[in-house]
Amino acid sequence: MSLTDPPRTGTAAHHDGADFHAESRAYLEKRSLRKGSAGWILLAGLGVSYVISGDYAGWNNGLAEGGFGGLLVASVIIAAMYFAMVLGMAELSSALPAAGGGYTFARRALGPWGGFATGTAILIEYSIAPAAIATFIGGYVESLNLFGITDGWWIYLAVYAVFIGIHLTGAGEALKAMFVITAIALVGLVVFAVSAVGLFDTANLTDIAVDETAAGASSFLPFGLFGIWAAVPFAIWFFLAVEGVPLAAEEATEPEKNVPKGIIVSMLVLLVTGATVLFLATGALGAEALSTSGNPLVEALGDSGAAKVVNYIGLAGLIASFFSIMYAYSRQTFALSRAGYLPTSLSLTNKRKAPVLALIVPGVIGFALSLTGEGAMLLNMAVFGAAVSYVLMMVSHIVLRRREPNMPRPYRTPGGVVTTSFALVVAAAAVVATFLVDPIAALWTLGAFAAFMAYFGLYSRHRLVANSPDEEFAALAEAEAELK
């Protein structure tokens, strides 16, 4: 079965309680992306772009949960988890290069239910994260007194409208614009680092009062050992969404080579940027003051000229992540819709091969969420979705290594299932940690996840498209297994 087969209709297969139907070539032609739009450099830029806003704001609230020591230990553990996960995803993306990313991997390993659960968790993450970032952008614009705007919702509306419009021009154009904005944001981090070195004082790292009632409390861990766990969701902000690079697989040149290279390079860059801001910002201003800051890098530099430069460039960092995660939610929506998990109208593409409704519909939902103005709550909701998807993706890697050891893998994860098992354990702990920080936000997100699964169970599992790329990957694997 391939995309060049003649049109077919009717039930093609019945597996795991799901009905599959084949669609004509015309169906898939109306739902295709532009090939060869990105090499590994653009893909690495995409990975950094997803995350870079997290270096400018958000992470510092973890100081209020664990102090510098708690956030540092949490960040080291989370960085190790992300690096292990990225190595696992590099292997999966080289073997299964499709626009579904984590959903594609889980679909092959865990069947339709597991695939949709993973895709839903990713979609929740990518739909809510831009809403959180939009509130941060609004706060930046108001603090800079740009255009005389004092009501953030105008900014939320403007960024959604403008960047959806840019994405509709096509992936190549959008990725290049994204790369330029990300480069500017990285320059801002360099300016910050050079300026903050002279202000660094080790005493500032541990200036939070020690809670003597907390187990294991010290000046390094002012809230004790429990503070490390509570700081985990904020440590995730240093790397949240880097796993979205494989979503560009269908639009990349030689995806089996360039997607793994792009995601690994972006992770290495983010390790450096995350460590830089954690140490220098806290050491310059102090953990106590920084823990409640809405603009940590700028406040760490005081009233200097460099602070003003970083303040304006920080806006570029937020825009870069907003812009790129919008790309990610559109591709995840596109892939799930093309395969029939979501309404198929969401995967229709325009003349520039951009998925129109997959960009607009999640954007409208995200804009509505941004009107709450609750950036911190939205951030925790996005982290919950992300952590659930990490658990499922790492399970997928382990299952495919065991079940399909001979599947072609141009790139193989160093350490194999040991590496991804470590990431799995930490990701599971991160899911629980989201309930520690904001149980209401986590429960709301869990409710949305359950609603999606109910939709699949009651409706869309009977309308899956057998000859969509993701379903073909699974069908070919099943056919090969039967032959053996």
Protein backbone atom coordinates (compact mmCIF):
# COMPACT_ATOMS: atom_id res chain seq x y z
CA MET A 1 0.00 0.00 0.00
CA SER A 2 1.46 3.41 -0.96
CA LEU A 3 0.40 6.95 -1.73
CA THR A 4 0.45 6.15 -5.45
CA ASP A 5 -2.08 3.35 -5.22
CA PRO A 6 -5.33 3.90 -7.11
CA PRO A 7 -8.29 5.33 -5.21
CA ARG A 8 -10.10 2.91 -2.95
CA THR A 9 -13.12 3.14 -0.73
CA GLY A 10 -14.66 1.07 2.02
CA THR A 11 -13.27 -0.50 5.13
CA ALA A 12 -9.61 -1.37 4.70
CA ALA A 13 -8.79 -2.86 8.06
CA HIS A 14 -9.97 -3.31 11.60
CA HIS A 15 -7.36 -3.14 14.32
CA ASP A 16 -7.35 -2.31 18.04
CA GLY A 17 -11.05 -1.42 17.89
CA ALA A 18 -10.54 1.17 15.16
CA ASP A 19 -12.03 1.17 11.67
CA PHE A 20 -9.82 2.25 8.78
CA HIS A 21 -10.93 3.62 5.44
CA ALA A 22 -8.83 4.30 2.36
CA GLU A 23 -9.13 7.68 0.67
CA SER A 24 -8.31 8.72 -2.90
CA ARG A 25 -5.09 10.34 -4.02
CA ALA A 26 -7.02 13.60 -4.41
CA TYR A 27 -7.72 13.55 -0.66
CA LEU A 28 -4.00 13.41 0.14
CA GLU A 29 -3.00 15.87 -2.58
CA LYS A 30 -5.18 18.49 -0.88
CA ARG A 31 -3.38 17.69 2.35
CA SER A 32 0.30 17.77 1.42
CA LEU A 33 3.16 19.92 2.70
CA ARG A 34 6.01 21.49 0.73
CA LYS A 35 8.99 19.15 0.60
CA GLY A 36 12.61 20.24 1.02
CA SER A 37 11.94 23.51 2.82
CA ALA A 38 14.54 23.06 5.59
CA GLY A 39 18.03 21.67 6.10
CA TRP A 40 19.58 20.86 9.47
CA ILE A 41 20.57 24.48 10.21
CA LEU A 42 16.99 25.71 9.88
CA LEU A 43 15.81 22.70 11.90
CA ALA A 44 18.30 23.48 14.67
CA GLY A 45 17.12 27.08 14.59
CA LEU A 46 13.54 25.83 14.88
CA GLY A 47 14.44 23.79 17.97
CA VAL A 48 16.10 26.79 19.65
CA SER A 49 13.26 29.05 18.58
CA TYR A 50 10.67 26.82 20.28
CA VAL A 51 12.39 27.25 23.62
CA ILE A 52 14.29 30.54 23.75
CA SER A 53 11.52 32.55 25.40
CA GLY A 54 12.01 30.27 28.40
CA ASP A 55 15.48 31.76 28.91
CA TYR A 56 14.01 35.25 29.14
CA ALA A 57 11.15 34.60 31.57
CA GLY A 58 9.26 31.91 33.46
CA TRP A 59 12.09 29.73 34.75
CA ASN A 60 12.92 32.13 37.59
CA ASN A 61 9.64 31.40 39.40
CA GLY A 62 11.20 28.05 40.25
CA LEU A 63 13.45 29.90 42.70
CA ALA A 64 10.37 30.50 44.85
CA GLU A 65 9.72 26.76 44.92
CA GLY A 66 13.19 25.35 45.47
CA GLY A 67 15.66 28.20 45.88
CA PHE A 68 18.76 28.34 43.70
CA GLY A 69 19.94 24.89 44.78
CA GLY A 70 16.55 23.26 44.24
CA LEU A 71 16.13 24.81 40.80
CA LEU A 72 19.73 23.97 39.88
CA VAL A 73 19.37 20.30 40.83
CA ALA A 74 15.97 20.12 39.11
CA SER A 75 17.47 21.73 35.99
CA VAL A 76 20.35 19.25 35.87
CA ILE A 77 17.91 16.32 36.14
CA ILE A 78 15.54 17.80 33.56
CA ALA A 79 18.40 18.66 31.19
CA ALA A 80 19.57 15.05 31.39
CA MET A 81 16.01 13.88 30.75
CA TYR A 82 15.62 16.12 27.71
CA PHE A 83 18.99 15.12 26.29
CA ALA A 84 18.13 11.43 26.71
CA MET A 85 14.70 12.02 25.20
CA VAL A 86 16.14 13.97 22.26
CA LEU A 87 18.53 11.11 21.50
CA GLY A 88 15.57 8.72 21.51
CA MET A 89 13.51 11.00 19.29
CA ALA A 90 16.44 11.42 16.90
CA GLU A 91 16.32 7.68 16.30
CA LEU A 92 12.55 7.60 15.92
CA SER A 93 12.49 10.58 13.56
CA SER A 94 15.15 9.00 11.35
CA ALA A 95 13.11 5.80 11.11
CA LEU A 96 9.65 7.40 10.80
CA PRO A 97 9.99 10.84 9.18
CA ALA A 98 6.43 12.21 9.07
CA ALA A 99 4.69 15.44 10.10
CA GLY A 100 3.07 13.72 13.09
CA GLY A 101 6.29 13.63 15.13
CA GLY A 102 5.63 11.98 18.49
CA TYR A 103 2.15 10.91 17.40
CA THR A 104 3.65 9.00 14.45
CA PHE A 105 6.11 7.21 16.73
CA ALA A 106 3.44 6.25 19.27
CA ARG A 107 1.01 5.20 16.54
CA ARG A 108 3.55 2.67 15.26
CA ALA A 109 4.40 1.39 18.73
CA LEU A 110 1.16 1.65 20.71
CA GLY A 111 -1.62 1.48 18.12
CA PRO A 112 -4.37 4.03 17.36
CA TRP A 113 -5.26 4.68 21.01
CA GLY A 114 -1.66 5.28 22.03
CA GLY A 115 -1.00 7.36 18.94
CA PHE A 116 -3.97 9.62 19.53
CA ALA A 117 -3.21 9.94 23.25
CA THR A 118 0.33 11.08 22.43
CA GLY A 119 -0.80 13.42 19.68
CA THR A 120 -3.43 14.91 21.98
CA ALA A 121 -0.92 15.56 24.77
CA ILE A 122 1.43 17.25 22.29
CA LEU A 123 -1.41 19.29 20.82
CA ILE A 124 -2.46 20.47 24.29
CA GLU A 125 1.12 21.55 24.99
CA TYR A 126 1.54 23.40 21.71
CA SER A 127 -1.90 25.03 21.75
CA ILE A 128 -1.60 26.36 25.29
CA ALA A 129 2.09 27.40 25.32
CA PRO A 130 1.57 30.23 22.77
CA ALA A 131 -1.30 31.54 24.90
CA ALA A 132 1.05 31.74 27.89
CA ILE A 133 3.73 33.41 25.77
CA ALA A 134 1.18 35.88 24.38
CA THR A 135 0.48 37.08 27.92
CA PHE A 136 4.23 37.53 28.46
CA ILE A 137 4.50 39.49 25.19
CA GLY A 138 1.61 41.69 26.33
CA GLY A 139 3.39 42.34 29.61
CA TYR A 140 6.60 43.25 27.79
CA VAL A 141 4.85 45.68 25.46
CA GLU A 142 3.07 47.36 28.35
CA SER A 143 6.27 47.64 30.40
CA LEU A 144 8.12 49.15 27.45
CA ASN A 145 5.21 51.55 26.88
CA LEU A 146 5.16 50.70 23.18
CA PHE A 147 2.44 52.32 21.08
CA GLY A 148 0.82 53.61 24.27
CA ILE A 149 -0.90 50.24 24.79
CA THR A 150 -2.03 49.51 28.33
CA ASP A 151 -4.49 46.68 27.64
CA GLY A 152 -2.80 43.40 26.72
CA TRP A 153 -5.61 41.79 24.73
CA TRP A 154 -4.89 43.99 21.72
CA ILE A 155 -1.37 42.55 21.71
CA TYR A 156 -2.65 38.99 22.01
CA LEU A 157 -4.93 39.54 19.02
CA ALA A 158 -2.21 41.24 16.96
CA VAL A 159 0.46 38.56 17.45
CA TYR A 160 -1.94 35.73 16.66
CA ALA A 161 -3.26 37.47 13.53
CA VAL A 162 0.14 38.59 12.20
CA PHE A 163 1.98 35.33 12.74
CA ILE A 164 -0.81 33.11 11.48
CA GLY A 165 -0.70 35.29 8.37
CA ILE A 166 3.05 34.77 7.96
CA HIS A 167 2.70 31.01 8.40
CA LEU A 168 0.05 30.92 5.68
CA THR A 169 2.69 32.10 3.18
CA GLY A 170 4.45 28.72 3.44
CA ALA A 171 6.89 26.78 5.58
CA GLY A 172 10.11 27.90 3.89
CA GLU A 173 9.33 31.58 4.36
CA ALA A 174 8.12 31.07 7.92
CA LEU A 175 11.17 29.05 8.98
CA LYS A 176 13.58 31.64 7.55
CA ALA A 177 11.79 34.48 9.34
CA MET A 178 11.83 32.38 12.51
CA PHE A 179 15.58 31.80 12.15
CA VAL A 180 16.31 35.54 11.93
CA ILE A 181 14.20 36.36 15.00
CA THR A 182 15.88 33.54 16.94
CA ALA A 183 19.33 34.82 16.00
CA ILE A 184 18.40 38.24 17.38
CA ALA A 185 17.19 36.65 20.61
CA LEU A 186 20.49 34.77 20.97
CA VAL A 187 22.39 38.04 20.53
CA GLY A 188 20.32 39.41 23.41
CA LEU A 189 21.47 36.54 25.62
CA VAL A 190 25.10 37.25 24.72
CA VAL A 191 24.66 40.93 25.64
CA PHE A 192 23.09 39.86 28.93
CA ALA A 193 25.87 37.40 29.76
CA VAL A 194 28.68 39.88 29.05
CA SER A 195 26.97 42.53 31.19
CA ALA A 196 25.98 40.22 34.06
CA VAL A 197 29.44 38.76 34.66
CA GLY A 198 30.60 41.97 36.34
CA LEU A 199 27.57 41.97 38.66
CA PHE A 200 27.88 38.33 39.74
CA ASP A 201 28.17 37.63 43.47
CA THR A 202 28.03 34.07 44.78
CA ALA A 203 26.30 35.28 47.97
CA ASN A 204 23.28 36.26 45.86
CA LEU A 205 22.70 32.62 44.89
CA THR A 206 21.71 31.63 48.41
CA ASP A 207 20.01 34.73 49.84
CA ILE A 208 16.58 33.09 50.34
CA ALA A 209 15.74 32.47 54.02
CA VAL A 210 15.98 28.82 55.04
CA ASP A 211 12.76 27.03 56.00
CA GLU A 212 13.97 25.19 59.08
CA THR A 213 10.90 22.94 59.07
CA ALA A 214 11.67 21.48 55.62
CA ALA A 215 13.49 18.14 55.43
CA GLY A 216 17.05 18.59 54.21
CA ALA A 217 16.84 22.39 54.31
CA SER A 218 20.06 24.42 53.98
CA SER A 219 21.19 27.70 52.46
CA PHE A 220 21.67 25.79 49.17
CA LEU A 221 18.25 24.09 49.48
CA PRO A 222 16.20 26.63 51.47
CA PHE A 223 12.98 24.64 50.99
CA GLY A 224 14.60 21.27 51.50
CA LEU A 225 14.63 18.23 49.25
CA PHE A 226 10.96 18.63 48.40
CA GLY A 227 11.83 21.97 46.78
CA ILE A 228 13.76 20.14 44.06
CA TRP A 229 10.62 18.32 42.97
CA ALA A 230 8.48 21.46 43.17
CA ALA A 231 10.98 23.29 40.93
CA VAL A 232 10.79 20.66 38.16
CA PRO A 233 7.99 22.31 36.09
CA PHE A 234 10.01 25.54 35.96
CA ALA A 235 13.20 23.72 35.00
CA ILE A 236 11.24 22.25 32.09
CA TRP A 237 10.71 25.80 30.80
CA PHE A 238 14.42 25.84 29.80
CA PHE A 239 13.72 23.11 27.22
CA LEU A 240 9.95 22.94 26.69
CA ALA A 241 8.97 22.16 23.05
CA VAL A 242 12.43 21.28 21.67
CA GLU A 243 10.92 17.87 20.97
CA GLY A 244 8.84 19.55 18.24
CA VAL A 245 11.65 19.47 15.66
CA PRO A 246 10.47 16.14 14.13
CA LEU A 247 7.16 17.83 13.24
CA ALA A 248 9.07 19.43 10.34
CA ALA A 249 10.14 16.04 8.93
CA GLU A 250 7.90 16.10 5.85
CA GLU A 251 9.15 19.58 4.94
CA ALA A 252 12.85 18.85 5.51
CA THR A 253 15.51 17.81 3.03
CA GLU A 254 16.82 14.30 3.78
CA PRO A 255 14.79 14.14 7.02
CA GLU A 256 16.34 10.84 8.07
CA LYS A 257 19.67 12.70 8.42
CA ASN A 258 18.77 16.32 9.05
CA VAL A 259 16.03 15.95 11.67
CA PRO A 260 18.25 14.01 14.15
CA LYS A 261 21.13 16.43 13.55
CA GLY A 262 18.89 19.47 13.95
CA ILE A 263 17.29 18.36 17.21
CA ILE A 264 20.61 17.33 18.82
CA VAL A 265 22.35 20.60 17.86
CA SER A 266 19.44 22.68 19.17
CA MET A 267 19.54 20.78 22.48
CA LEU A 268 23.27 21.48 22.86
CA VAL A 269 22.69 25.20 22.31
CA LEU A 270 19.86 25.24 24.86
CA LEU A 271 22.02 23.55 27.49
CA VAL A 272 24.45 26.46 27.23
CA THR A 273 21.82 29.21 27.24
CA GLY A 274 19.88 27.70 30.15
CA ALA A 275 22.96 27.34 32.36
CA THR A 276 24.07 30.88 31.49
CA VAL A 277 20.88 32.63 32.57
CA LEU A 278 20.33 30.46 35.66
CA PHE A 279 23.75 31.24 37.13
CA LEU A 280 24.32 34.80 35.95
CA ALA A 281 20.85 36.24 36.51
CA THR A 282 20.54 34.74 40.00
CA GLY A 283 24.08 35.73 40.90
CA ALA A 284 23.57 39.30 39.67
CA LEU A 285 20.25 40.15 41.34
CA GLY A 286 19.78 37.51 44.04
CA ALA A 287 17.49 34.49 44.24
CA GLU A 288 14.96 36.21 46.53
CA ALA A 289 14.35 39.21 44.26
CA LEU A 290 14.53 37.20 41.06
CA SER A 291 11.97 34.62 42.22
CA THR A 292 9.05 37.01 41.69
CA SER A 293 10.38 38.95 38.71
CA GLY A 294 8.35 39.19 35.51
CA ASN A 295 11.42 40.32 33.56
CA PRO A 296 14.35 38.57 35.25
CA LEU A 297 17.21 39.28 32.85
CA VAL A 298 16.44 42.98 32.64
CA GLU A 299 15.99 43.39 36.40
CA ALA A 300 19.26 41.51 36.97
CA LEU A 301 21.10 44.19 34.95
CA GLY A 302 19.49 47.12 36.77
CA ASP A 303 19.23 50.49 35.01
CA SER A 304 22.16 49.99 32.66
CA GLY A 305 22.10 50.60 28.94
CA ALA A 306 22.58 46.85 28.44
CA ALA A 307 19.37 46.27 30.40
CA LYS A 308 17.44 48.39 27.91
CA VAL A 309 18.96 46.50 24.98
CA VAL A 310 18.12 43.14 26.56
CA ASN A 311 14.61 44.38 27.37
CA TYR A 312 13.83 45.12 23.73
CA ILE A 313 15.56 42.01 22.44
CA GLY A 314 13.70 39.94 25.04
CA LEU A 315 10.57 40.77 23.12
CA ALA A 316 12.18 39.10 20.08
CA GLY A 317 12.83 35.99 22.17
CA LEU A 318 9.20 35.74 23.19
CA ILE A 319 8.07 36.33 19.61
CA ALA A 320 10.46 33.64 18.33
CA SER A 321 8.95 30.98 20.59
CA PHE A 322 5.41 32.14 19.94
CA PHE A 323 6.01 32.05 16.19
CA SER A 324 7.68 28.63 16.16
CA ILE A 325 5.27 26.85 18.52
CA MET A 326 2.46 28.08 16.29
CA TYR A 327 4.20 26.15 13.50
CA ALA A 328 4.31 23.09 15.76
CA TYR A 329 0.64 23.11 16.72
CA SER A 330 -0.36 23.49 13.09
CA ARG A 331 1.68 20.46 12.00
CA GLN A 332 0.41 18.30 14.86
CA THR A 333 -3.17 19.29 14.08
CA PHE A 334 -2.53 18.69 10.38
CA ALA A 335 -1.17 15.18 10.94
CA LEU A 336 -3.97 14.10 13.28
CA SER A 337 -6.60 15.52 10.91
CA ARG A 338 -5.11 13.98 7.75
CA ALA A 339 -5.25 10.55 9.40
CA GLY A 340 -8.87 11.09 10.53
CA TYR A 341 -8.29 11.45 14.28
CA LEU A 342 -9.54 15.04 14.11
CA PRO A 343 -12.01 16.50 11.56
CA THR A 344 -10.39 16.12 8.13
CA SER A 345 -11.14 19.72 7.13
CA LEU A 346 -8.38 20.81 9.53
CA SER A 347 -5.69 19.32 7.27
CA LEU A 348 -6.59 21.09 4.01
CA THR A 349 -3.62 23.07 2.66
CA ASN A 350 -3.55 26.22 0.51
CA LYS A 351 -1.58 26.89 -2.70
CA ARG A 352 1.55 27.53 -0.63
CA LYS A 353 1.10 24.13 1.04
CA ALA A 354 0.29 25.62 4.44
CA PRO A 355 -2.49 23.98 6.52
CA VAL A 356 -5.02 26.80 6.82
CA LEU A 357 -7.50 25.67 9.47
CA ALA A 358 -4.78 23.82 11.39
CA LEU A 359 -3.20 27.26 11.90
CA ILE A 360 -6.39 29.21 12.54
CA VAL A 361 -8.53 26.97 14.80
CA PRO A 362 -5.91 26.28 17.54
CA GLY A 363 -4.95 29.95 17.22
CA VAL A 364 -8.50 31.05 18.04
CA ILE A 365 -8.55 28.70 21.04
CA GLY A 366 -5.16 29.96 22.19
CA PHE A 367 -6.26 33.59 21.86
CA ALA A 368 -9.33 32.85 23.99
CA LEU A 369 -7.11 31.28 26.66
CA SER A 370 -4.71 34.23 26.57
CA LEU A 371 -7.57 36.55 27.55
CA THR A 372 -7.41 35.00 31.02
CA GLY A 373 -4.09 36.78 31.46
CA GLU A 374 -2.95 33.86 33.64
CA GLY A 375 0.44 33.20 32.06
CA ALA A 376 1.77 31.11 34.96
CA MET A 377 -1.33 28.90 35.02
CA LEU A 378 -1.23 28.40 31.25
CA LEU A 379 2.47 27.56 31.51
CA ASN A 380 1.76 24.77 33.99
CA MET A 381 -1.02 23.42 31.77
CA ALA A 382 1.38 23.28 28.82
CA VAL A 383 4.00 21.52 30.96
CA PHE A 384 1.43 18.89 31.99
CA GLY A 385 0.63 18.10 28.35
CA ALA A 386 4.32 17.99 27.49
CA ALA A 387 5.24 15.65 30.35
CA VAL A 388 2.45 13.20 29.45
CA SER A 389 3.65 13.14 25.83
CA TYR A 390 7.24 12.51 26.96
CA VAL A 391 6.15 9.44 28.91
CA LEU A 392 4.30 8.04 25.90
CA MET A 393 7.10 8.81 23.41
CA MET A 394 9.74 7.14 25.54
CA VAL A 395 7.50 4.09 25.97
CA SER A 396 7.19 4.07 22.17
CA HIS A 397 10.97 4.03 21.71
CA ILE A 398 11.35 1.13 24.13
CA VAL A 399 8.49 -0.85 22.56
CA LEU A 400 9.83 -0.39 19.01
CA ARG A 401 13.33 -1.43 20.07
CA ARG A 402 11.91 -4.63 21.55
CA ARG A 403 9.23 -5.39 18.98
CA GLU A 404 10.96 -4.22 15.78
CA PRO A 405 14.72 -4.56 16.32
CA ASN A 406 15.36 -4.78 12.58
CA MET A 407 13.44 -1.64 11.61
CA PRO A 408 15.78 0.60 9.54
CA ARG A 409 17.25 3.24 11.85
CA PRO A 410 19.72 5.61 10.11
CA TYR A 411 20.47 7.02 13.57
CA ARG A 412 20.54 4.89 16.72
CA THR A 413 20.21 6.21 20.28
CA PRO A 414 23.44 5.82 22.29
CA GLY A 415 22.64 3.54 25.21
CA GLY A 416 19.46 2.32 23.57
CA VAL A 417 16.52 1.64 25.89
CA VAL A 418 18.60 2.43 28.97
CA THR A 419 18.79 6.05 27.79
CA THR A 420 15.09 6.37 27.07
CA SER A 421 14.11 4.46 30.22
CA PHE A 422 15.86 7.15 32.26
CA ALA A 423 13.93 9.84 30.39
CA LEU A 424 10.70 7.88 30.98
CA VAL A 425 11.18 7.76 34.77
CA VAL A 426 11.96 11.49 35.05
CA ALA A 427 9.06 12.42 32.74
CA ALA A 428 6.65 10.42 34.91
CA ALA A 429 7.89 12.30 37.98
CA ALA A 430 7.40 15.58 36.09
CA VAL A 431 3.73 14.74 35.47
CA VAL A 432 3.21 14.39 39.20
CA ALA A 433 5.19 17.58 39.88
CA THR A 434 2.73 19.67 37.87
CA PHE A 435 0.06 18.82 40.46
CA LEU A 436 2.34 20.10 43.23
CA VAL A 437 2.68 23.56 41.67
CA ASP A 438 -0.87 24.16 40.44
CA PRO A 439 -3.26 21.24 40.94
CA ILE A 440 -6.21 23.18 39.48
CA ALA A 441 -4.37 23.84 36.21
CA ALA A 442 -3.23 20.22 36.01
CA LEU A 443 -6.76 18.94 36.61
CA TRP A 444 -8.22 21.25 33.95
CA THR A 445 -5.66 19.95 31.48
CA LEU A 446 -6.36 16.36 32.46
CA GLY A 447 -10.04 17.04 31.84
CA ALA A 448 -9.32 18.39 28.34
CA PHE A 449 -7.19 15.32 27.63
CA ALA A 450 -10.01 13.02 28.75
CA ALA A 451 -12.49 14.88 26.52
CA PHE A 452 -10.26 14.34 23.49
CA MET A 453 -9.95 10.63 24.28
CA ALA A 454 -13.73 10.35 24.63
CA TYR A 455 -14.12 11.99 21.19
CA PHE A 456 -11.76 9.39 19.74
CA GLY A 457 -13.44 6.47 21.45
CA LEU A 458 -16.97 7.46 20.51
CA TYR A 459 -16.44 8.93 17.06
CA SER A 460 -13.15 9.38 15.20
CA ARG A 461 -11.67 5.90 15.70
CA HIS A 462 -14.30 4.68 13.23
CA ARG A 463 -13.15 7.18 10.59
CA LEU A 464 -9.37 6.77 10.35
CA VAL A 465 -7.70 7.10 6.95
CA ALA A 466 -5.79 3.92 6.11
CA ASN A 467 -3.52 5.40 3.43
CA SER A 468 -2.40 8.50 5.33
CA PRO A 469 1.38 8.33 5.88
CA ASP A 470 1.18 7.61 9.62
CA GLU A 471 -1.35 4.81 9.20
CA GLU A 472 0.68 3.35 6.32
CA PHE A 473 3.75 3.15 8.52
CA ALA A 474 1.75 1.06 10.99
CA ALA A 475 0.05 -1.05 8.31
CA LEU A 476 3.35 -1.92 6.62
CA ALA A 477 4.80 -2.96 9.97
CA GLU A 478 1.82 -5.23 10.62
CA ALA A 479 2.08 -6.76 7.15
CA GLU A 480 5.78 -7.45 7.60
CA ALA A 481 5.10 -9.06 10.97
CA GLU A 482 2.46 -11.33 9.45
CA LEU A 483 4.84 -12.41 6.66
CA LYS A 484 7.46 -13.33 9.24
